[in-house]
Amino acid sequence: VAGRTELGDIHVQFRHEGHECLITLSADDRETLRRVSETSETIEAYKVPTWIELTTSGGADPDMRIRVELRDGAPQIVELAWTSQPHQSEIRQKHLRQIDLAKLVRDLVSSTLTTDHPCRGGNVGVQIEQIRQSKDPESEADYADYVDESVALLKQAKRESEKARRVAAKFTERQRLPRERRMITDSHLRLVAEVYRANFRSGPTKAVSKHFGVANRMASTYVDKARKAGYLPPTKQGQKKA
């Protein structure tokens, strides 16, 4: 039986003309280039890039390019294009259907966000090295402690990173709303409750998502806040109430 070695995606990060660039090479010969503007605007705790460009190329499907710009505090798609190279398939309806624009913008923008707040816990590699230096290299017990503490630190860092990504994604979704709906006011929550109750028997959270033009996750956030504000009754586990 012949052996086979599989490598994951290859990432190359660099700066070009002041802009941050990230090239990702995948196993299916697709190349993704993400360019992030040097300039940014500070909104709440986040530094949001003025613009982001994403280009995918290679492989059998047409190349795609998207540009997102920050306008009035909202990340907006200002350019979207496909190009079919000689070795690629023609541009078809399926290529348009495969693109979830809201998700693409949310993931693209949230992946670039930086915050003015220092990352809690600092550099994980530095902390692991500090743990190593505090142990006796000749002691098996110290080595076991070093491994356990390092693994626990890595798991904690992963949890915090995933939480930060979720928070950044919600922030991006909110910023893409019209200005008057970015702040969740009492009147907004009352309307959420009305929509929820009107569609209680036929997917109320999905109805909120459709009414406000947000992802299901953001719609769930609206509903939770409406409950906490008293516009919807509290729920019991496994039971929704309106």
C-alpha atoms as a PDB file:
ATOM      1  CA  VAL A   1       0.000   0.000   0.000  1.00  0.00           C
ATOM      2  CA  ALA A   2       1.505   3.287  -1.066  1.00  0.00           C
ATOM      3  CA  GLY A   3       1.817   5.900   1.621  1.00  0.00           C
ATOM      4  CA  ARG A   4       0.505   9.420   1.138  1.00  0.00           C
ATOM      5  CA  THR A   5       1.286  12.588   3.012  1.00  0.00           C
ATOM      6  CA  GLU A   6      -1.396  15.267   3.139  1.00  0.00           C
ATOM      7  CA  LEU A   7      -0.574  18.834   4.041  1.00  0.00           C
ATOM      8  CA  GLY A   8      -3.091  21.437   5.097  1.00  0.00           C
ATOM      9  CA  ASP A   9      -3.475  24.873   3.568  1.00  0.00           C
ATOM     10  CA  ILE A  10      -0.307  26.935   3.275  1.00  0.00           C
ATOM     11  CA  HIS A  11      -0.492  30.541   4.491  1.00  0.00           C
ATOM     12  CA  VAL A  12       1.970  33.286   3.577  1.00  0.00           C
ATOM     13  CA  GLN A  13       1.575  36.686   5.226  1.00  0.00           C
ATOM     14  CA  PHE A  14       3.469  39.833   4.201  1.00  0.00           C
ATOM     15  CA  ARG A  15       3.110  43.572   3.627  1.00  0.00           C
ATOM     16  CA  HIS A  16       3.061  45.226   0.203  1.00  0.00           C
ATOM     17  CA  GLU A  17       2.942  49.003  -0.264  1.00  0.00           C
ATOM     18  CA  GLY A  18       1.875  49.294   3.369  1.00  0.00           C
ATOM     19  CA  HIS A  19      -1.068  46.908   2.995  1.00  0.00           C
ATOM     20  CA  GLU A  20      -1.342  43.613   4.851  1.00  0.00           C
ATOM     21  CA  CYS A  21      -1.504  40.647   2.454  1.00  0.00           C
ATOM     22  CA  LEU A  22      -2.319  37.005   3.117  1.00  0.00           C
ATOM     23  CA  ILE A  23      -1.950  34.286   0.471  1.00  0.00           C
ATOM     24  CA  THR A  24      -3.555  30.901   1.119  1.00  0.00           C
ATOM     25  CA  LEU A  25      -2.693  27.899  -1.071  1.00  0.00           C
ATOM     26  CA  SER A  26      -5.140  25.004  -0.731  1.00  0.00           C
ATOM     27  CA  ALA A  27      -4.778  21.348  -1.659  1.00  0.00           C
ATOM     28  CA  ASP A  28      -7.143  21.753  -4.650  1.00  0.00           C
ATOM     29  CA  ASP A  29      -4.755  24.258  -6.304  1.00  0.00           C
ATOM     30  CA  ARG A  30      -6.896  27.249  -5.371  1.00  0.00           C
ATOM     31  CA  GLU A  31      -5.043  30.395  -4.365  1.00  0.00           C
ATOM     32  CA  THR A  32      -6.656  33.067  -2.211  1.00  0.00           C
ATOM     33  CA  LEU A  33      -5.181  36.536  -1.835  1.00  0.00           C
ATOM     34  CA  ARG A  34      -6.540  38.850   0.842  1.00  0.00           C
ATOM     35  CA  ARG A  35      -5.374  42.475   0.860  1.00  0.00           C
ATOM     36  CA  VAL A  36      -6.229  44.756   3.781  1.00  0.00           C
ATOM     37  CA  SER A  37      -5.857  48.528   3.707  1.00  0.00           C
ATOM     38  CA  GLU A  38      -3.214  50.211   5.798  1.00  0.00           C
ATOM     39  CA  THR A  39      -5.788  52.757   6.984  1.00  0.00           C
ATOM     40  CA  SER A  40      -8.654  51.995   9.359  1.00  0.00           C
ATOM     41  CA  GLU A  41     -11.425  53.585  11.416  1.00  0.00           C
ATOM     42  CA  THR A  42     -11.907  52.951  15.117  1.00  0.00           C
ATOM     43  CA  ILE A  43     -15.492  51.908  15.849  1.00  0.00           C
ATOM     44  CA  GLU A  44     -16.212  50.992  19.471  1.00  0.00           C
ATOM     45  CA  ALA A  45     -13.205  48.833  20.470  1.00  0.00           C
ATOM     46  CA  TYR A  46     -12.348  47.739  16.928  1.00  0.00           C
ATOM     47  CA  LYS A  47     -10.028  49.074  14.262  1.00  0.00           C
ATOM     48  CA  VAL A  48     -11.965  48.397  11.055  1.00  0.00           C
ATOM     49  CA  PRO A  49     -10.013  48.447   7.756  1.00  0.00           C
ATOM     50  CA  THR A  50     -11.007  51.113   5.234  1.00  0.00           C
ATOM     51  CA  TRP A  51     -11.169  48.443   2.544  1.00  0.00           C
ATOM     52  CA  ILE A  52     -10.532  44.723   2.027  1.00  0.00           C
ATOM     53  CA  GLU A  53     -10.002  42.865  -1.254  1.00  0.00           C
ATOM     54  CA  LEU A  54     -10.277  39.107  -1.701  1.00  0.00           C
ATOM     55  CA  THR A  55      -9.298  37.265  -4.884  1.00  0.00           C
ATOM     56  CA  THR A  56      -9.572  33.520  -5.454  1.00  0.00           C
ATOM     57  CA  SER A  57      -7.853  31.986  -8.472  1.00  0.00           C
ATOM     58  CA  GLY A  58      -6.721  28.651  -9.886  1.00  0.00           C
ATOM     59  CA  GLY A  59      -8.654  25.392  -9.965  1.00  0.00           C
ATOM     60  CA  ALA A  60     -11.487  24.448 -12.316  1.00  0.00           C
ATOM     61  CA  ASP A  61     -13.948  27.172 -11.289  1.00  0.00           C
ATOM     62  CA  PRO A  62     -13.732  30.795 -12.453  1.00  0.00           C
ATOM     63  CA  ASP A  63     -11.627  33.262 -10.494  1.00  0.00           C
ATOM     64  CA  MET A  64     -13.549  35.583  -8.188  1.00  0.00           C
ATOM     65  CA  ARG A  65     -12.776  39.022  -6.817  1.00  0.00           C
ATOM     66  CA  ILE A  66     -14.631  40.989  -4.139  1.00  0.00           C
ATOM     67  CA  ARG A  67     -13.904  44.390  -2.629  1.00  0.00           C
ATOM     68  CA  VAL A  68     -15.475  45.614   0.600  1.00  0.00           C
ATOM     69  CA  GLU A  69     -15.252  49.252   1.653  1.00  0.00           C
ATOM     70  CA  LEU A  70     -16.169  50.956   4.913  1.00  0.00           C
ATOM     71  CA  ARG A  71     -18.867  53.531   4.171  1.00  0.00           C
ATOM     72  CA  ASP A  72     -20.531  55.503   6.957  1.00  0.00           C
ATOM     73  CA  GLY A  73     -19.214  52.929   9.414  1.00  0.00           C
ATOM     74  CA  ALA A  74     -20.735  50.006   7.486  1.00  0.00           C
ATOM     75  CA  PRO A  75     -18.725  47.398   5.526  1.00  0.00           C
ATOM     76  CA  GLN A  76     -20.292  47.322   2.042  1.00  0.00           C
ATOM     77  CA  ILE A  77     -19.606  45.285  -1.085  1.00  0.00           C
ATOM     78  CA  VAL A  78     -18.549  47.702  -3.829  1.00  0.00           C
ATOM     79  CA  GLU A  79     -17.116  45.251  -6.346  1.00  0.00           C
ATOM     80  CA  LEU A  80     -17.844  41.618  -7.206  1.00  0.00           C
ATOM     81  CA  ALA A  81     -16.537  39.938 -10.346  1.00  0.00           C
ATOM     82  CA  TRP A  82     -15.834  36.539 -11.884  1.00  0.00           C
ATOM     83  CA  THR A  83     -13.251  35.832 -14.564  1.00  0.00           C
ATOM     84  CA  SER A  84     -13.009  32.544 -16.447  1.00  0.00           C
ATOM     85  CA  GLN A  85      -9.460  31.701 -17.492  1.00  0.00           C
ATOM     86  CA  PRO A  86      -8.839  29.458 -20.561  1.00  0.00           C
ATOM     87  CA  HIS A  87      -8.488  26.327 -18.405  1.00  0.00           C
ATOM     88  CA  GLN A  88     -11.594  27.055 -16.288  1.00  0.00           C
ATOM     89  CA  SER A  89     -15.316  26.469 -16.717  1.00  0.00           C
ATOM     90  CA  GLU A  90     -17.570  29.224 -17.973  1.00  0.00           C
ATOM     91  CA  ILE A  91     -19.340  31.400 -15.438  1.00  0.00           C
ATOM     92  CA  ARG A  92     -22.665  29.745 -14.595  1.00  0.00           C
ATOM     93  CA  GLN A  93     -25.676  30.486 -12.452  1.00  0.00           C
ATOM     94  CA  LYS A  94     -24.434  27.965  -9.883  1.00  0.00           C
ATOM     95  CA  HIS A  95     -21.405  30.144  -9.170  1.00  0.00           C
ATOM     96  CA  LEU A  96     -23.719  33.007  -8.226  1.00  0.00           C
ATOM     97  CA  ARG A  97     -25.890  30.770  -6.053  1.00  0.00           C
ATOM     98  CA  GLN A  98     -22.873  29.414  -4.179  1.00  0.00           C
ATOM     99  CA  ILE A  99     -21.967  32.855  -2.841  1.00  0.00           C
ATOM    100  CA  ASP A 100     -23.624  33.884   0.426  1.00  0.00           C
ATOM    101  CA  LEU A 101     -22.719  37.565   0.295  1.00  0.00           C
ATOM    102  CA  ALA A 102     -23.725  38.364   3.883  1.00  0.00           C
ATOM    103  CA  LYS A 103     -21.654  35.480   5.261  1.00  0.00           C
ATOM    104  CA  LEU A 104     -18.728  36.281   2.970  1.00  0.00           C
ATOM    105  CA  VAL A 105     -18.574  39.904   4.138  1.00  0.00           C
ATOM    106  CA  ARG A 106     -19.079  38.943   7.782  1.00  0.00           C
ATOM    107  CA  ASP A 107     -16.281  36.361   7.748  1.00  0.00           C
ATOM    108  CA  LEU A 108     -13.969  38.530   5.660  1.00  0.00           C
ATOM    109  CA  VAL A 109     -14.305  41.651   7.800  1.00  0.00           C
ATOM    110  CA  SER A 110     -14.349  39.924  11.193  1.00  0.00           C
ATOM    111  CA  SER A 111     -11.155  38.015  10.306  1.00  0.00           C
ATOM    112  CA  THR A 112      -9.301  41.325   9.925  1.00  0.00           C
ATOM    113  CA  LEU A 113     -10.583  43.188  12.971  1.00  0.00           C
ATOM    114  CA  THR A 114      -8.122  44.292  15.611  1.00  0.00           C
ATOM    115  CA  THR A 115      -8.958  45.790  18.961  1.00  0.00           C
ATOM    116  CA  ASP A 116      -7.402  48.499  21.077  1.00  0.00           C
ATOM    117  CA  HIS A 117      -7.858  46.278  24.093  1.00  0.00           C
ATOM    118  CA  PRO A 118      -4.815  44.110  24.936  1.00  0.00           C
ATOM    119  CA  CYS A 119      -5.366  40.400  24.400  1.00  0.00           C
ATOM    120  CA  ARG A 120      -5.977  38.791  27.753  1.00  0.00           C
ATOM    121  CA  GLY A 121      -3.267  36.310  28.574  1.00  0.00           C
ATOM    122  CA  GLY A 122      -0.708  37.791  26.196  1.00  0.00           C
ATOM    123  CA  ASN A 123       1.428  35.694  23.897  1.00  0.00           C
ATOM    124  CA  VAL A 124       0.775  32.004  24.488  1.00  0.00           C
ATOM    125  CA  GLY A 125       4.201  30.945  23.211  1.00  0.00           C
ATOM    126  CA  VAL A 126       5.927  33.266  25.681  1.00  0.00           C
ATOM    127  CA  GLN A 127       3.831  31.935  28.558  1.00  0.00           C
ATOM    128  CA  ILE A 128       4.589  28.335  27.655  1.00  0.00           C
ATOM    129  CA  GLU A 129       8.299  29.143  27.548  1.00  0.00           C
ATOM    130  CA  GLN A 130       8.022  30.773  30.977  1.00  0.00           C
ATOM    131  CA  ILE A 131       6.383  27.612  32.308  1.00  0.00           C
ATOM    132  CA  ARG A 132       9.200  25.504  30.847  1.00  0.00           C
ATOM    133  CA  GLN A 133      11.883  27.667  32.422  1.00  0.00           C
ATOM    134  CA  SER A 134      10.211  27.437  35.823  1.00  0.00           C
ATOM    135  CA  LYS A 135      10.481  23.636  35.851  1.00  0.00           C
ATOM    136  CA  ASP A 136      13.381  21.333  36.653  1.00  0.00           C
ATOM    137  CA  PRO A 137      14.356  19.655  33.325  1.00  0.00           C
ATOM    138  CA  GLU A 138      15.627  16.601  35.220  1.00  0.00           C
ATOM    139  CA  SER A 139      12.359  16.033  37.086  1.00  0.00           C
ATOM    140  CA  GLU A 140       9.736  13.756  35.528  1.00  0.00           C
ATOM    141  CA  ALA A 141       7.068  15.273  37.778  1.00  0.00           C
ATOM    142  CA  ASP A 142       8.007  18.787  36.650  1.00  0.00           C
ATOM    143  CA  TYR A 143       7.934  17.679  33.017  1.00  0.00           C
ATOM    144  CA  ALA A 144       4.444  16.214  33.472  1.00  0.00           C
ATOM    145  CA  ASP A 145       3.309  19.472  35.097  1.00  0.00           C
ATOM    146  CA  TYR A 146       4.826  21.430  32.205  1.00  0.00           C
ATOM    147  CA  VAL A 147       2.868  19.377  29.666  1.00  0.00           C
ATOM    148  CA  ASP A 148      -0.402  19.633  31.612  1.00  0.00           C
ATOM    149  CA  GLU A 149      -0.094  23.390  32.166  1.00  0.00           C
ATOM    150  CA  SER A 150       0.868  24.018  28.536  1.00  0.00           C
ATOM    151  CA  VAL A 151      -2.076  21.995  27.200  1.00  0.00           C
ATOM    152  CA  ALA A 152      -4.462  23.812  29.551  1.00  0.00           C
ATOM    153  CA  LEU A 153      -3.068  27.158  28.391  1.00  0.00           C
ATOM    154  CA  LEU A 154      -3.496  26.233  24.717  1.00  0.00           C
ATOM    155  CA  LYS A 155      -7.088  25.106  25.307  1.00  0.00           C
ATOM    156  CA  GLN A 156      -7.877  28.353  27.122  1.00  0.00           C
ATOM    157  CA  ALA A 157      -6.318  30.378  24.295  1.00  0.00           C
ATOM    158  CA  LYS A 158      -8.405  28.460  21.754  1.00  0.00           C
ATOM    159  CA  ARG A 159     -11.630  29.122  23.691  1.00  0.00           C
ATOM    160  CA  GLU A 160     -10.833  32.826  23.982  1.00  0.00           C
ATOM    161  CA  SER A 161      -9.946  33.015  20.289  1.00  0.00           C
ATOM    162  CA  GLU A 162     -13.225  31.364  19.271  1.00  0.00           C
ATOM    163  CA  LYS A 163     -15.179  33.700  21.559  1.00  0.00           C
ATOM    164  CA  ALA A 164     -13.370  36.719  20.097  1.00  0.00           C
ATOM    165  CA  ARG A 165     -14.266  35.564  16.571  1.00  0.00           C
ATOM    166  CA  ARG A 166     -17.942  35.194  17.500  1.00  0.00           C
ATOM    167  CA  VAL A 167     -18.028  38.662  19.064  1.00  0.00           C
ATOM    168  CA  ALA A 168     -16.284  40.153  16.015  1.00  0.00           C
ATOM    169  CA  ALA A 169     -18.764  38.434  13.687  1.00  0.00           C
ATOM    170  CA  LYS A 170     -21.729  39.867  15.619  1.00  0.00           C
ATOM    171  CA  PHE A 171     -20.139  43.313  15.552  1.00  0.00           C
ATOM    172  CA  THR A 172     -19.717  43.062  11.770  1.00  0.00           C
ATOM    173  CA  GLU A 173     -23.329  41.970  11.274  1.00  0.00           C
ATOM    174  CA  ARG A 174     -24.569  44.886  13.366  1.00  0.00           C
ATOM    175  CA  GLN A 175     -22.419  47.411  11.495  1.00  0.00           C
ATOM    176  CA  ARG A 176     -23.909  46.249   8.181  1.00  0.00           C
ATOM    177  CA  LEU A 177     -27.378  47.271   9.324  1.00  0.00           C
ATOM    178  CA  PRO A 178     -28.761  50.708   8.407  1.00  0.00           C
ATOM    179  CA  ARG A 179     -27.412  53.321  10.824  1.00  0.00           C
ATOM    180  CA  GLU A 180     -30.745  53.718  12.633  1.00  0.00           C
ATOM    181  CA  ARG A 181     -30.816  49.978  13.410  1.00  0.00           C
ATOM    182  CA  ARG A 182     -27.222  49.461  14.536  1.00  0.00           C
ATOM    183  CA  MET A 183     -28.082  50.431  18.099  1.00  0.00           C
ATOM    184  CA  ILE A 184     -30.539  48.042  19.721  1.00  0.00           C
ATOM    185  CA  THR A 185     -33.082  50.456  21.210  1.00  0.00           C
ATOM    186  CA  ASP A 186     -36.227  49.713  23.195  1.00  0.00           C
ATOM    187  CA  SER A 187     -38.386  50.433  20.155  1.00  0.00           C
ATOM    188  CA  HIS A 188     -36.283  47.990  18.149  1.00  0.00           C
ATOM    189  CA  LEU A 189     -36.724  45.274  20.788  1.00  0.00           C
ATOM    190  CA  ARG A 190     -40.479  45.893  20.928  1.00  0.00           C
ATOM    191  CA  LEU A 191     -40.654  45.367  17.169  1.00  0.00           C
ATOM    192  CA  VAL A 192     -38.582  42.189  17.513  1.00  0.00           C
ATOM    193  CA  ALA A 193     -41.113  40.909  20.041  1.00  0.00           C
ATOM    194  CA  GLU A 194     -44.032  41.776  17.743  1.00  0.00           C
ATOM    195  CA  VAL A 195     -42.495  39.928  14.791  1.00  0.00           C
ATOM    196  CA  TYR A 196     -41.631  36.973  17.022  1.00  0.00           C
ATOM    197  CA  ARG A 197     -45.165  36.681  18.427  1.00  0.00           C
ATOM    198  CA  ALA A 198     -46.772  37.071  14.989  1.00  0.00           C
ATOM    199  CA  ASN A 199     -44.769  34.108  13.709  1.00  0.00           C
ATOM    200  CA  PHE A 200     -44.656  32.058  16.890  1.00  0.00           C
ATOM    201  CA  ARG A 201     -45.997  28.860  15.301  1.00  0.00           C
ATOM    202  CA  SER A 202     -43.984  29.063  12.088  1.00  0.00           C
ATOM    203  CA  GLY A 203     -40.347  29.696  12.906  1.00  0.00           C
ATOM    204  CA  PRO A 204     -40.325  32.949  14.902  1.00  0.00           C
ATOM    205  CA  THR A 205     -36.541  33.439  15.008  1.00  0.00           C
ATOM    206  CA  LYS A 206     -36.286  32.848  11.275  1.00  0.00           C
ATOM    207  CA  ALA A 207     -39.060  35.413  10.767  1.00  0.00           C
ATOM    208  CA  VAL A 208     -37.082  37.949  12.828  1.00  0.00           C
ATOM    209  CA  SER A 209     -34.025  37.170  10.704  1.00  0.00           C
ATOM    210  CA  LYS A 210     -35.965  37.780   7.490  1.00  0.00           C
ATOM    211  CA  HIS A 211     -37.736  40.911   8.746  1.00  0.00           C
ATOM    212  CA  PHE A 212     -34.546  42.681   9.829  1.00  0.00           C
ATOM    213  CA  GLY A 213     -32.286  41.241   7.139  1.00  0.00           C
ATOM    214  CA  VAL A 214     -29.792  39.679   9.551  1.00  0.00           C
ATOM    215  CA  ALA A 215     -28.334  36.205  10.023  1.00  0.00           C
ATOM    216  CA  ASN A 216     -30.141  33.730  12.296  1.00  0.00           C
ATOM    217  CA  ARG A 217     -27.441  34.179  14.935  1.00  0.00           C
ATOM    218  CA  MET A 218     -28.053  37.935  15.129  1.00  0.00           C
ATOM    219  CA  ALA A 219     -31.821  37.324  15.133  1.00  0.00           C
ATOM    220  CA  SER A 220     -31.357  35.037  18.153  1.00  0.00           C
ATOM    221  CA  THR A 221     -29.432  37.841  19.865  1.00  0.00           C
ATOM    222  CA  TYR A 222     -32.330  40.223  19.196  1.00  0.00           C
ATOM    223  CA  VAL A 223     -34.808  37.733  20.669  1.00  0.00           C
ATOM    224  CA  ASP A 224     -32.644  37.138  23.767  1.00  0.00           C
ATOM    225  CA  LYS A 225     -32.360  40.883  24.380  1.00  0.00           C
ATOM    226  CA  ALA A 226     -36.118  41.298  23.894  1.00  0.00           C
ATOM    227  CA  ARG A 227     -36.678  38.648  26.577  1.00  0.00           C
ATOM    228  CA  LYS A 228     -34.225  40.285  28.976  1.00  0.00           C
ATOM    229  CA  ALA A 229     -35.976  43.621  28.398  1.00  0.00           C
ATOM    230  CA  GLY A 230     -39.311  42.024  29.311  1.00  0.00           C
ATOM    231  CA  TYR A 231     -40.927  42.275  25.856  1.00  0.00           C
ATOM    232  CA  LEU A 232     -41.060  38.479  25.608  1.00  0.00           C
ATOM    233  CA  PRO A 233     -41.638  36.037  28.483  1.00  0.00           C
ATOM    234  CA  PRO A 234     -38.691  33.996  29.784  1.00  0.00           C
ATOM    235  CA  THR A 235     -38.296  30.504  28.389  1.00  0.00           C
ATOM    236  CA  LYS A 236     -37.944  27.138  30.020  1.00  0.00           C
ATOM    237  CA  GLN A 237     -35.297  24.782  28.685  1.00  0.00           C
ATOM    238  CA  GLY A 238     -36.468  23.342  25.375  1.00  0.00           C
ATOM    239  CA  GLN A 239     -39.612  25.510  25.275  1.00  0.00           C
ATOM    240  CA  LYS A 240     -40.029  28.802  23.460  1.00  0.00           C
ATOM    241  CA  LYS A 241     -42.581  31.327  24.667  1.00  0.00           C
ATOM    242  CA  ALA A 242     -44.171  34.433  23.209  1.00  0.00           C
END
